[in-house]
Amino acid sequence: MGNRGLFLILGLMLFPAGWGSDKAQAYCGPDAAPYRAGLCSMGWAFYTAMGGTVLTFLCAVFSAQAEIATSSDKVHEEIEEGKSLICLL
């Protein structure tokens, strides 16, 4: 799951590279260049994507902790006996 977060970071880093295109310069003015927004600003979608990336890494940490907590032989024996499994951090 952590590698998916890396791809999200890559997308967030490459997004501003398109600001140097002709269409972006038409909207944002002649000062727009890769990684320079010109007259435009970052919208809420970019910040939401950043938050989603942080949450992706947080989920990766939690899933790794859950795997560690449930990988012991004692836990597997209790699951085979039919007991319910509840993970607490």
PDB file of N, CA and C in Angstrom:
ATOM      1  N   MET A   1       0.818  -1.182   0.000  1.00  0.00           N
ATOM      2  CA  MET A   1       0.000   0.000   0.000  1.00  0.00           C
ATOM      3  C   MET A   1       0.871   1.258   0.000  1.00  0.00           C
ATOM      4  N   GLY A   2       2.035   1.159   0.582  1.00  0.00           N
ATOM      5  CA  GLY A   2       2.932   2.307   0.604  1.00  0.00           C
ATOM      6  C   GLY A   2       3.402   2.707  -0.785  1.00  0.00           C
ATOM      7  N   ASN A   3       3.566   1.710  -1.680  1.00  0.00           N
ATOM      8  CA  ASN A   3       4.010   2.056  -3.033  1.00  0.00           C
ATOM      9  C   ASN A   3       2.931   2.829  -3.789  1.00  0.00           C
ATOM     10  N   ARG A   4       1.674   2.625  -3.454  1.00  0.00           N
ATOM     11  CA  ARG A   4       0.607   3.412  -4.079  1.00  0.00           C
ATOM     12  C   ARG A   4       0.709   4.878  -3.647  1.00  0.00           C
ATOM     13  N   GLY A   5       1.089   5.075  -2.410  1.00  0.00           N
ATOM     14  CA  GLY A   5       1.307   6.437  -1.931  1.00  0.00           C
ATOM     15  C   GLY A   5       2.434   7.127  -2.677  1.00  0.00           C
ATOM     16  N   LEU A   6       3.462   6.358  -3.019  1.00  0.00           N
ATOM     17  CA  LEU A   6       4.565   6.936  -3.796  1.00  0.00           C
ATOM     18  C   LEU A   6       4.105   7.371  -5.179  1.00  0.00           C
ATOM     19  N   PHE A   7       3.220   6.594  -5.793  1.00  0.00           N
ATOM     20  CA  PHE A   7       2.690   6.984  -7.102  1.00  0.00           C
ATOM     21  C   PHE A   7       1.802   8.229  -6.984  1.00  0.00           C
ATOM     22  N   LEU A   8       1.079   8.355  -5.882  1.00  0.00           N
ATOM     23  CA  LEU A   8       0.294   9.577  -5.667  1.00  0.00           C
ATOM     24  C   LEU A   8       1.205  10.787  -5.527  1.00  0.00           C
ATOM     25  N   ILE A   9       2.305  10.623  -4.810  1.00  0.00           N
ATOM     26  CA  ILE A   9       3.267  11.724  -4.680  1.00  0.00           C
ATOM     27  C   ILE A   9       3.846  12.090  -6.036  1.00  0.00           C
ATOM     28  N   LEU A  10       4.154  11.085  -6.853  1.00  0.00           N
ATOM     29  CA  LEU A  10       4.680  11.345  -8.192  1.00  0.00           C
ATOM     30  C   LEU A  10       3.678  12.155  -9.015  1.00  0.00           C
ATOM     31  N   GLY A  11       2.395  11.787  -8.935  1.00  0.00           N
ATOM     32  CA  GLY A  11       1.369  12.536  -9.659  1.00  0.00           C
ATOM     33  C   GLY A  11       1.245  13.964  -9.175  1.00  0.00           C
ATOM     34  N   LEU A  12       1.336  14.150  -7.850  1.00  0.00           N
ATOM     35  CA  LEU A  12       1.257  15.506  -7.305  1.00  0.00           C
ATOM     36  C   LEU A  12       2.459  16.348  -7.704  1.00  0.00           C
ATOM     37  N   MET A  13       3.604  15.710  -7.866  1.00  0.00           N
ATOM     38  CA  MET A  13       4.802  16.449  -8.273  1.00  0.00           C
ATOM     39  C   MET A  13       4.786  16.776  -9.766  1.00  0.00           C
ATOM     40  N   LEU A  14       4.180  15.916 -10.569  1.00  0.00           N
ATOM     41  CA  LEU A  14       4.161  16.144 -12.015  1.00  0.00           C
ATOM     42  C   LEU A  14       3.043  17.078 -12.452  1.00  0.00           C
ATOM     43  N   PHE A  15       1.994  17.211 -11.656  1.00  0.00           N
ATOM     44  CA  PHE A  15       0.861  18.055 -12.028  1.00  0.00           C
ATOM     45  C   PHE A  15       1.279  19.481 -12.385  1.00  0.00           C
ATOM     46  N   PRO A  16       2.086  20.168 -11.560  1.00  0.00           N
ATOM     47  CA  PRO A  16       2.454  21.554 -11.906  1.00  0.00           C
ATOM     48  C   PRO A  16       3.374  21.655 -13.129  1.00  0.00           C
ATOM     49  N   ALA A  17       3.924  20.564 -13.599  1.00  0.00           N
ATOM     50  CA  ALA A  17       4.794  20.618 -14.778  1.00  0.00           C
ATOM     51  C   ALA A  17       4.014  21.023 -16.019  1.00  0.00           C
ATOM     52  N   GLY A  18       2.697  20.827 -16.013  1.00  0.00           N
ATOM     53  CA  GLY A  18       1.873  21.172 -17.164  1.00  0.00           C
ATOM     54  C   GLY A  18       1.504  22.638 -17.251  1.00  0.00           C
ATOM     55  N   TRP A  19       1.885  23.439 -16.276  1.00  0.00           N
ATOM     56  CA  TRP A  19       1.515  24.843 -16.293  1.00  0.00           C
ATOM     57  C   TRP A  19       2.234  25.634 -17.375  1.00  0.00           C
ATOM     58  N   GLY A  20       3.242  25.063 -18.004  1.00  0.00           N
ATOM     59  CA  GLY A  20       3.941  25.755 -19.080  1.00  0.00           C
ATOM     60  C   GLY A  20       3.297  25.561 -20.442  1.00  0.00           C
ATOM     61  N   SER A  21       2.217  24.788 -20.514  1.00  0.00           N
ATOM     62  CA  SER A  21       1.568  24.533 -21.803  1.00  0.00           C
ATOM     63  C   SER A  21       0.865  25.790 -22.314  1.00  0.00           C
ATOM     64  N   ASP A  22       0.568  25.794 -23.603  1.00  0.00           N
ATOM     65  CA  ASP A  22      -0.082  26.947 -24.220  1.00  0.00           C
ATOM     66  C   ASP A  22      -1.455  27.216 -23.604  1.00  0.00           C
ATOM     67  N   LYS A  23      -2.196  26.139 -23.313  1.00  0.00           N
ATOM     68  CA  LYS A  23      -3.529  26.302 -22.733  1.00  0.00           C
ATOM     69  C   LYS A  23      -3.443  26.899 -21.327  1.00  0.00           C
ATOM     70  N   ALA A  24      -2.498  26.449 -20.537  1.00  0.00           N
ATOM     71  CA  ALA A  24      -2.328  26.995 -19.186  1.00  0.00           C
ATOM     72  C   ALA A  24      -1.897  28.453 -19.240  1.00  0.00           C
ATOM     73  N   GLN A  25      -1.054  28.807 -20.187  1.00  0.00           N
ATOM     74  CA  GLN A  25      -0.628  30.205 -20.321  1.00  0.00           C
ATOM     75  C   GLN A  25      -1.779  31.094 -20.778  1.00  0.00           C
ATOM     76  N   ALA A  26      -2.704  30.530 -21.551  1.00  0.00           N
ATOM     77  CA  ALA A  26      -3.877  31.304 -21.965  1.00  0.00           C
ATOM     78  C   ALA A  26      -4.770  31.609 -20.773  1.00  0.00           C
ATOM     79  N   TYR A  27      -4.893  30.654 -19.849  1.00  0.00           N
ATOM     80  CA  TYR A  27      -5.730  30.854 -18.662  1.00  0.00           C
ATOM     81  C   TYR A  27      -5.011  31.632 -17.566  1.00  0.00           C
ATOM     82  N   CYS A  28      -3.734  31.345 -17.365  1.00  0.00           N
ATOM     83  CA  CYS A  28      -3.003  31.874 -16.200  1.00  0.00           C
ATOM     84  C   CYS A  28      -2.083  33.031 -16.530  1.00  0.00           C
ATOM     85  N   GLY A  29      -2.022  33.437 -17.760  1.00  0.00           N
ATOM     86  CA  GLY A  29      -1.184  34.568 -18.133  1.00  0.00           C
ATOM     87  C   GLY A  29       0.181  34.132 -18.640  1.00  0.00           C
ATOM     88  N   PRO A  30       0.924  35.054 -19.207  1.00  0.00           N
ATOM     89  CA  PRO A  30       2.221  34.722 -19.808  1.00  0.00           C
ATOM     90  C   PRO A  30       3.292  34.350 -18.776  1.00  0.00           C
ATOM     91  N   ASP A  31       3.060  34.654 -17.500  1.00  0.00           N
ATOM     92  CA  ASP A  31       4.036  34.307 -16.465  1.00  0.00           C
ATOM     93  C   ASP A  31       3.973  32.839 -16.071  1.00  0.00           C
ATOM     94  N   ALA A  32       2.955  32.122 -16.537  1.00  0.00           N
ATOM     95  CA  ALA A  32       2.814  30.707 -16.174  1.00  0.00           C
ATOM     96  C   ALA A  32       3.919  29.896 -16.840  1.00  0.00           C
ATOM     97  N   ALA A  33       4.553  29.070 -16.053  1.00  0.00           N
ATOM     98  CA  ALA A  33       5.622  28.192 -16.523  1.00  0.00           C
ATOM     99  C   ALA A  33       5.575  26.935 -15.657  1.00  0.00           C
ATOM    100  N   PRO A  34       6.298  25.898 -16.039  1.00  0.00           N
ATOM    101  CA  PRO A  34       6.305  24.713 -15.179  1.00  0.00           C
ATOM    102  C   PRO A  34       6.693  25.091 -13.739  1.00  0.00           C
ATOM    103  N   TYR A  35       5.852  24.687 -12.810  1.00  0.00           N
ATOM    104  CA  TYR A  35       6.018  24.932 -11.374  1.00  0.00           C
ATOM    105  C   TYR A  35       5.889  26.408 -10.988  1.00  0.00           C
ATOM    106  N   ARG A  36       5.378  27.229 -11.886  1.00  0.00           N
ATOM    107  CA  ARG A  36       5.030  28.630 -11.584  1.00  0.00           C
ATOM    108  C   ARG A  36       3.623  28.861 -12.099  1.00  0.00           C
ATOM    109  N   ALA A  37       2.689  29.147 -11.203  1.00  0.00           N
ATOM    110  CA  ALA A  37       1.273  29.191 -11.567  1.00  0.00           C
ATOM    111  C   ALA A  37       0.850  30.479 -12.272  1.00  0.00           C
ATOM    112  N   GLY A  38       1.677  31.475 -12.277  1.00  0.00           N
ATOM    113  CA  GLY A  38       1.288  32.741 -12.893  1.00  0.00           C
ATOM    114  C   GLY A  38       0.153  33.381 -12.112  1.00  0.00           C
ATOM    115  N   LEU A  39      -0.952  33.701 -12.788  1.00  0.00           N
ATOM    116  CA  LEU A  39      -2.096  34.334 -12.137  1.00  0.00           C
ATOM    117  C   LEU A  39      -3.057  33.309 -11.526  1.00  0.00           C
ATOM    118  N   CYS A  40      -2.849  32.045 -11.768  1.00  0.00           N
ATOM    119  CA  CYS A  40      -3.731  30.999 -11.235  1.00  0.00           C
ATOM    120  C   CYS A  40      -3.290  30.613  -9.825  1.00  0.00           C
ATOM    121  N   SER A  41      -4.134  29.879  -9.151  1.00  0.00           N
ATOM    122  CA  SER A  41      -3.799  29.382  -7.820  1.00  0.00           C
ATOM    123  C   SER A  41      -4.161  27.903  -7.740  1.00  0.00           C
ATOM    124  N   MET A  42      -3.647  27.256  -6.709  1.00  0.00           N
ATOM    125  CA  MET A  42      -3.948  25.842  -6.505  1.00  0.00           C
ATOM    126  C   MET A  42      -5.395  25.723  -6.045  1.00  0.00           C
ATOM    127  N   GLY A  43      -6.125  24.802  -6.629  1.00  0.00           N
ATOM    128  CA  GLY A  43      -7.514  24.603  -6.249  1.00  0.00           C
ATOM    129  C   GLY A  43      -7.652  23.610  -5.110  1.00  0.00           C
ATOM    130  N   TRP A  44      -8.870  23.427  -4.650  1.00  0.00           N
ATOM    131  CA  TRP A  44      -9.134  22.544  -3.518  1.00  0.00           C
ATOM    132  C   TRP A  44      -8.843  21.093  -3.871  1.00  0.00           C
ATOM    133  N   ALA A  45      -8.949  20.723  -5.146  1.00  0.00           N
ATOM    134  CA  ALA A  45      -8.715  19.330  -5.534  1.00  0.00           C
ATOM    135  C   ALA A  45      -7.267  18.919  -5.288  1.00  0.00           C
ATOM    136  N   PHE A  46      -6.340  19.818  -5.511  1.00  0.00           N
ATOM    137  CA  PHE A  46      -4.934  19.504  -5.285  1.00  0.00           C
ATOM    138  C   PHE A  46      -4.680  19.274  -3.797  1.00  0.00           C
ATOM    139  N   TYR A  47      -5.249  20.130  -2.950  1.00  0.00           N
ATOM    140  CA  TYR A  47      -5.057  19.965  -1.512  1.00  0.00           C
ATOM    141  C   TYR A  47      -5.779  18.719  -0.990  1.00  0.00           C
ATOM    142  N   THR A  48      -6.909  18.391  -1.581  1.00  0.00           N
ATOM    143  CA  THR A  48      -7.599  17.158  -1.214  1.00  0.00           C
ATOM    144  C   THR A  48      -6.768  15.946  -1.609  1.00  0.00           C
ATOM    145  N   ALA A  49      -6.123  16.007  -2.772  1.00  0.00           N
ATOM    146  CA  ALA A  49      -5.253  14.908  -3.195  1.00  0.00           C
ATOM    147  C   ALA A  49      -4.056  14.768  -2.260  1.00  0.00           C
ATOM    148  N   MET A  50      -3.544  15.886  -1.768  1.00  0.00           N
ATOM    149  CA  MET A  50      -2.449  15.816  -0.797  1.00  0.00           C
ATOM    150  C   MET A  50      -2.915  15.145   0.491  1.00  0.00           C
ATOM    151  N   GLY A  51      -4.104  15.497   0.951  1.00  0.00           N
ATOM    152  CA  GLY A  51      -4.662  14.857   2.139  1.00  0.00           C
ATOM    153  C   GLY A  51      -4.887  13.373   1.930  1.00  0.00           C
ATOM    154  N   GLY A  52      -5.359  13.001   0.745  1.00  0.00           N
ATOM    155  CA  GLY A  52      -5.548  11.588   0.425  1.00  0.00           C
ATOM    156  C   GLY A  52      -4.240  10.820   0.401  1.00  0.00           C
ATOM    157  N   THR A  53      -3.189  11.471  -0.036  1.00  0.00           N
ATOM    158  CA  THR A  53      -1.873  10.832  -0.050  1.00  0.00           C
ATOM    159  C   THR A  53      -1.389  10.576   1.375  1.00  0.00           C
ATOM    160  N   VAL A  54      -1.589  11.545   2.243  1.00  0.00           N
ATOM    161  CA  VAL A  54      -1.207  11.361   3.649  1.00  0.00           C
ATOM    162  C   VAL A  54      -2.012  10.217   4.260  1.00  0.00           C
ATOM    163  N   LEU A  55      -3.309  10.164   3.969  1.00  0.00           N
ATOM    164  CA  LEU A  55      -4.152   9.092   4.500  1.00  0.00           C
ATOM    165  C   LEU A  55      -3.757   7.730   3.941  1.00  0.00           C
ATOM    166  N   THR A  56      -3.279   7.692   2.700  1.00  0.00           N
ATOM    167  CA  THR A  56      -2.810   6.431   2.123  1.00  0.00           C
ATOM    168  C   THR A  56      -1.625   5.891   2.903  1.00  0.00           C
ATOM    169  N   PHE A  57      -0.686   6.762   3.247  1.00  0.00           N
ATOM    170  CA  PHE A  57       0.459   6.314   4.048  1.00  0.00           C
ATOM    171  C   PHE A  57       0.024   5.911   5.454  1.00  0.00           C
ATOM    172  N   LEU A  58      -0.938   6.617   6.016  1.00  0.00           N
ATOM    173  CA  LEU A  58      -1.446   6.275   7.344  1.00  0.00           C
ATOM    174  C   LEU A  58      -2.109   4.893   7.325  1.00  0.00           C
ATOM    175  N   CYS A  59      -2.875   4.611   6.287  1.00  0.00           N
ATOM    176  CA  CYS A  59      -3.498   3.286   6.149  1.00  0.00           C
ATOM    177  C   CYS A  59      -2.447   2.196   5.986  1.00  0.00           C
ATOM    178  N   ALA A  60      -1.362   2.500   5.277  1.00  0.00           N
ATOM    179  CA  ALA A  60      -0.287   1.515   5.118  1.00  0.00           C
ATOM    180  C   ALA A  60       0.344   1.184   6.463  1.00  0.00           C
ATOM    181  N   VAL A  61       0.512   2.194   7.311  1.00  0.00           N
ATOM    182  CA  VAL A  61       1.079   1.960   8.644  1.00  0.00           C
ATOM    183  C   VAL A  61       0.131   1.104   9.470  1.00  0.00           C
ATOM    184  N   PHE A  62      -1.167   1.431   9.440  1.00  0.00           N
ATOM    185  CA  PHE A  62      -2.137   0.657  10.215  1.00  0.00           C
ATOM    186  C   PHE A  62      -2.244  -0.779   9.723  1.00  0.00           C
ATOM    187  N   SER A  63      -2.212  -0.989   8.407  1.00  0.00           N
ATOM    188  CA  SER A  63      -2.321  -2.356   7.898  1.00  0.00           C
ATOM    189  C   SER A  63      -1.080  -3.174   8.254  1.00  0.00           C
ATOM    190  N   ALA A  64       0.079  -2.539   8.286  1.00  0.00           N
ATOM    191  CA  ALA A  64       1.293  -3.257   8.694  1.00  0.00           C
ATOM    192  C   ALA A  64       1.199  -3.654  10.162  1.00  0.00           C
ATOM    193  N   GLN A  65       0.672  -2.767  11.006  1.00  0.00           N
ATOM    194  CA  GLN A  65       0.505  -3.086  12.419  1.00  0.00           C
ATOM    195  C   GLN A  65      -0.511  -4.209  12.609  1.00  0.00           C
ATOM    196  N   ALA A  66      -1.581  -4.216  11.820  1.00  0.00           N
ATOM    197  CA  ALA A  66      -2.582  -5.281  11.921  1.00  0.00           C
ATOM    198  C   ALA A  66      -1.995  -6.612  11.481  1.00  0.00           C
ATOM    199  N   GLU A  67      -1.157  -6.599  10.463  1.00  0.00           N
ATOM    200  CA  GLU A  67      -0.503  -7.833  10.012  1.00  0.00           C
ATOM    201  C   GLU A  67       0.415  -8.385  11.094  1.00  0.00           C
ATOM    202  N   ILE A  68       1.161  -7.511  11.740  1.00  0.00           N
ATOM    203  CA  ILE A  68       2.053  -7.950  12.823  1.00  0.00           C
ATOM    204  C   ILE A  68       1.241  -8.542  13.973  1.00  0.00           C
ATOM    205  N   ALA A  69       0.109  -7.898  14.293  1.00  0.00           N
ATOM    206  CA  ALA A  69      -0.705  -8.342  15.426  1.00  0.00           C
ATOM    207  C   ALA A  69      -1.392  -9.675  15.177  1.00  0.00           C
ATOM    208  N   THR A  70      -1.672  -9.997  13.927  1.00  0.00           N
ATOM    209  CA  THR A  70      -2.427 -11.221  13.632  1.00  0.00           C
ATOM    210  C   THR A  70      -1.573 -12.341  13.056  1.00  0.00           C
ATOM    211  N   SER A  71      -0.275 -12.167  12.984  1.00  0.00           N
ATOM    212  CA  SER A  71       0.549 -13.185  12.327  1.00  0.00           C
ATOM    213  C   SER A  71       1.129 -14.225  13.290  1.00  0.00           C
ATOM    214  N   SER A  72       0.821 -14.158  14.567  1.00  0.00           N
ATOM    215  CA  SER A  72       1.384 -15.130  15.504  1.00  0.00           C
ATOM    216  C   SER A  72       0.619 -16.453  15.430  1.00  0.00           C
ATOM    217  N   ASP A  73       1.267 -17.523  15.874  1.00  0.00           N
ATOM    218  CA  ASP A  73       0.649 -18.856  15.851  1.00  0.00           C
ATOM    219  C   ASP A  73      -0.536 -18.927  16.800  1.00  0.00           C
ATOM    220  N   LYS A  74      -0.445 -18.255  17.948  1.00  0.00           N
ATOM    221  CA  LYS A  74      -1.534 -18.270  18.921  1.00  0.00           C
ATOM    222  C   LYS A  74      -2.807 -17.677  18.322  1.00  0.00           C
ATOM    223  N   VAL A  75      -2.668 -16.597  17.566  1.00  0.00           N
ATOM    224  CA  VAL A  75      -3.821 -15.965  16.939  1.00  0.00           C
ATOM    225  C   VAL A  75      -4.431 -16.898  15.910  1.00  0.00           C
ATOM    226  N   HIS A  76      -3.602 -17.571  15.111  1.00  0.00           N
ATOM    227  CA  HIS A  76      -4.120 -18.501  14.104  1.00  0.00           C
ATOM    228  C   HIS A  76      -4.863 -19.656  14.762  1.00  0.00           C
ATOM    229  N   GLU A  77      -4.370 -20.149  15.871  1.00  0.00           N
ATOM    230  CA  GLU A  77      -5.050 -21.234  16.584  1.00  0.00           C
ATOM    231  C   GLU A  77      -6.412 -20.779  17.101  1.00  0.00           C
ATOM    232  N   GLU A  78      -6.485 -19.570  17.628  1.00  0.00           N
ATOM    233  CA  GLU A  78      -7.758 -19.068  18.136  1.00  0.00           C
ATOM    234  C   GLU A  78      -8.759 -18.837  17.007  1.00  0.00           C
ATOM    235  N   ILE A  79      -8.287 -18.410  15.861  1.00  0.00           N
ATOM    236  CA  ILE A  79      -9.177 -18.222  14.711  1.00  0.00           C
ATOM    237  C   ILE A  79      -9.714 -19.575  14.259  1.00  0.00           C
ATOM    238  N   GLU A  80      -8.861 -20.602  14.232  1.00  0.00           N
ATOM    239  CA  GLU A  80      -9.293 -21.940  13.837  1.00  0.00           C
ATOM    240  C   GLU A  80     -10.302 -22.517  14.822  1.00  0.00           C
ATOM    241  N   GLU A  81     -10.223 -22.111  16.091  1.00  0.00           N
ATOM    242  CA  GLU A  81     -11.182 -22.562  17.098  1.00  0.00           C
ATOM    243  C   GLU A  81     -12.525 -21.845  16.958  1.00  0.00           C
ATOM    244  N   GLY A  82     -12.600 -20.838  16.126  1.00  0.00           N
ATOM    245  CA  GLY A  82     -13.850 -20.129  15.895  1.00  0.00           C
ATOM    246  C   GLY A  82     -14.012 -18.849  16.687  1.00  0.00           C
ATOM    247  N   LYS A  83     -12.986 -18.419  17.344  1.00  0.00           N
ATOM    248  CA  LYS A  83     -13.067 -17.186  18.115  1.00  0.00           C
ATOM    249  C   LYS A  83     -12.989 -15.976  17.183  1.00  0.00           C
ATOM    250  N   SER A  84     -13.630 -14.896  17.599  1.00  0.00           N
ATOM    251  CA  SER A  84     -13.594 -13.659  16.813  1.00  0.00           C
ATOM    252  C   SER A  84     -12.294 -12.935  17.075  1.00  0.00           C
ATOM    253  N   LEU A  85     -11.825 -12.241  16.071  1.00  0.00           N
ATOM    254  CA  LEU A  85     -10.560 -11.518  16.179  1.00  0.00           C
ATOM    255  C   LEU A  85     -10.832 -10.023  16.184  1.00  0.00           C
ATOM    256  N   ILE A  86     -10.324  -9.331  17.179  1.00  0.00           N
ATOM    257  CA  ILE A  86     -10.463  -7.877  17.257  1.00  0.00           C
ATOM    258  C   ILE A  86      -9.061  -7.307  17.420  1.00  0.00           C
ATOM    259  N   CYS A  87      -8.681  -6.412  16.509  1.00  0.00           N
ATOM    260  CA  CYS A  87      -7.355  -5.788  16.555  1.00  0.00           C
ATOM    261  C   CYS A  87      -7.450  -4.438  17.256  1.00  0.00           C
ATOM    262  N   LEU A  88      -6.640  -4.254  18.261  1.00  0.00           N
ATOM    263  CA  LEU A  88      -6.549  -2.976  18.972  1.00  0.00           C
ATOM    264  C   LEU A  88      -5.116  -2.502  18.920  1.00  0.00           C
ATOM    265  N   LEU A  89      -4.921  -1.222  18.712  1.00  0.00           N
ATOM    266  CA  LEU A  89      -3.572  -0.661  18.691  1.00  0.00           C
ATOM    267  C   LEU A  89      -3.196  -0.159  20.047  1.00  0.00           C
TER     268      LEU A  89
END
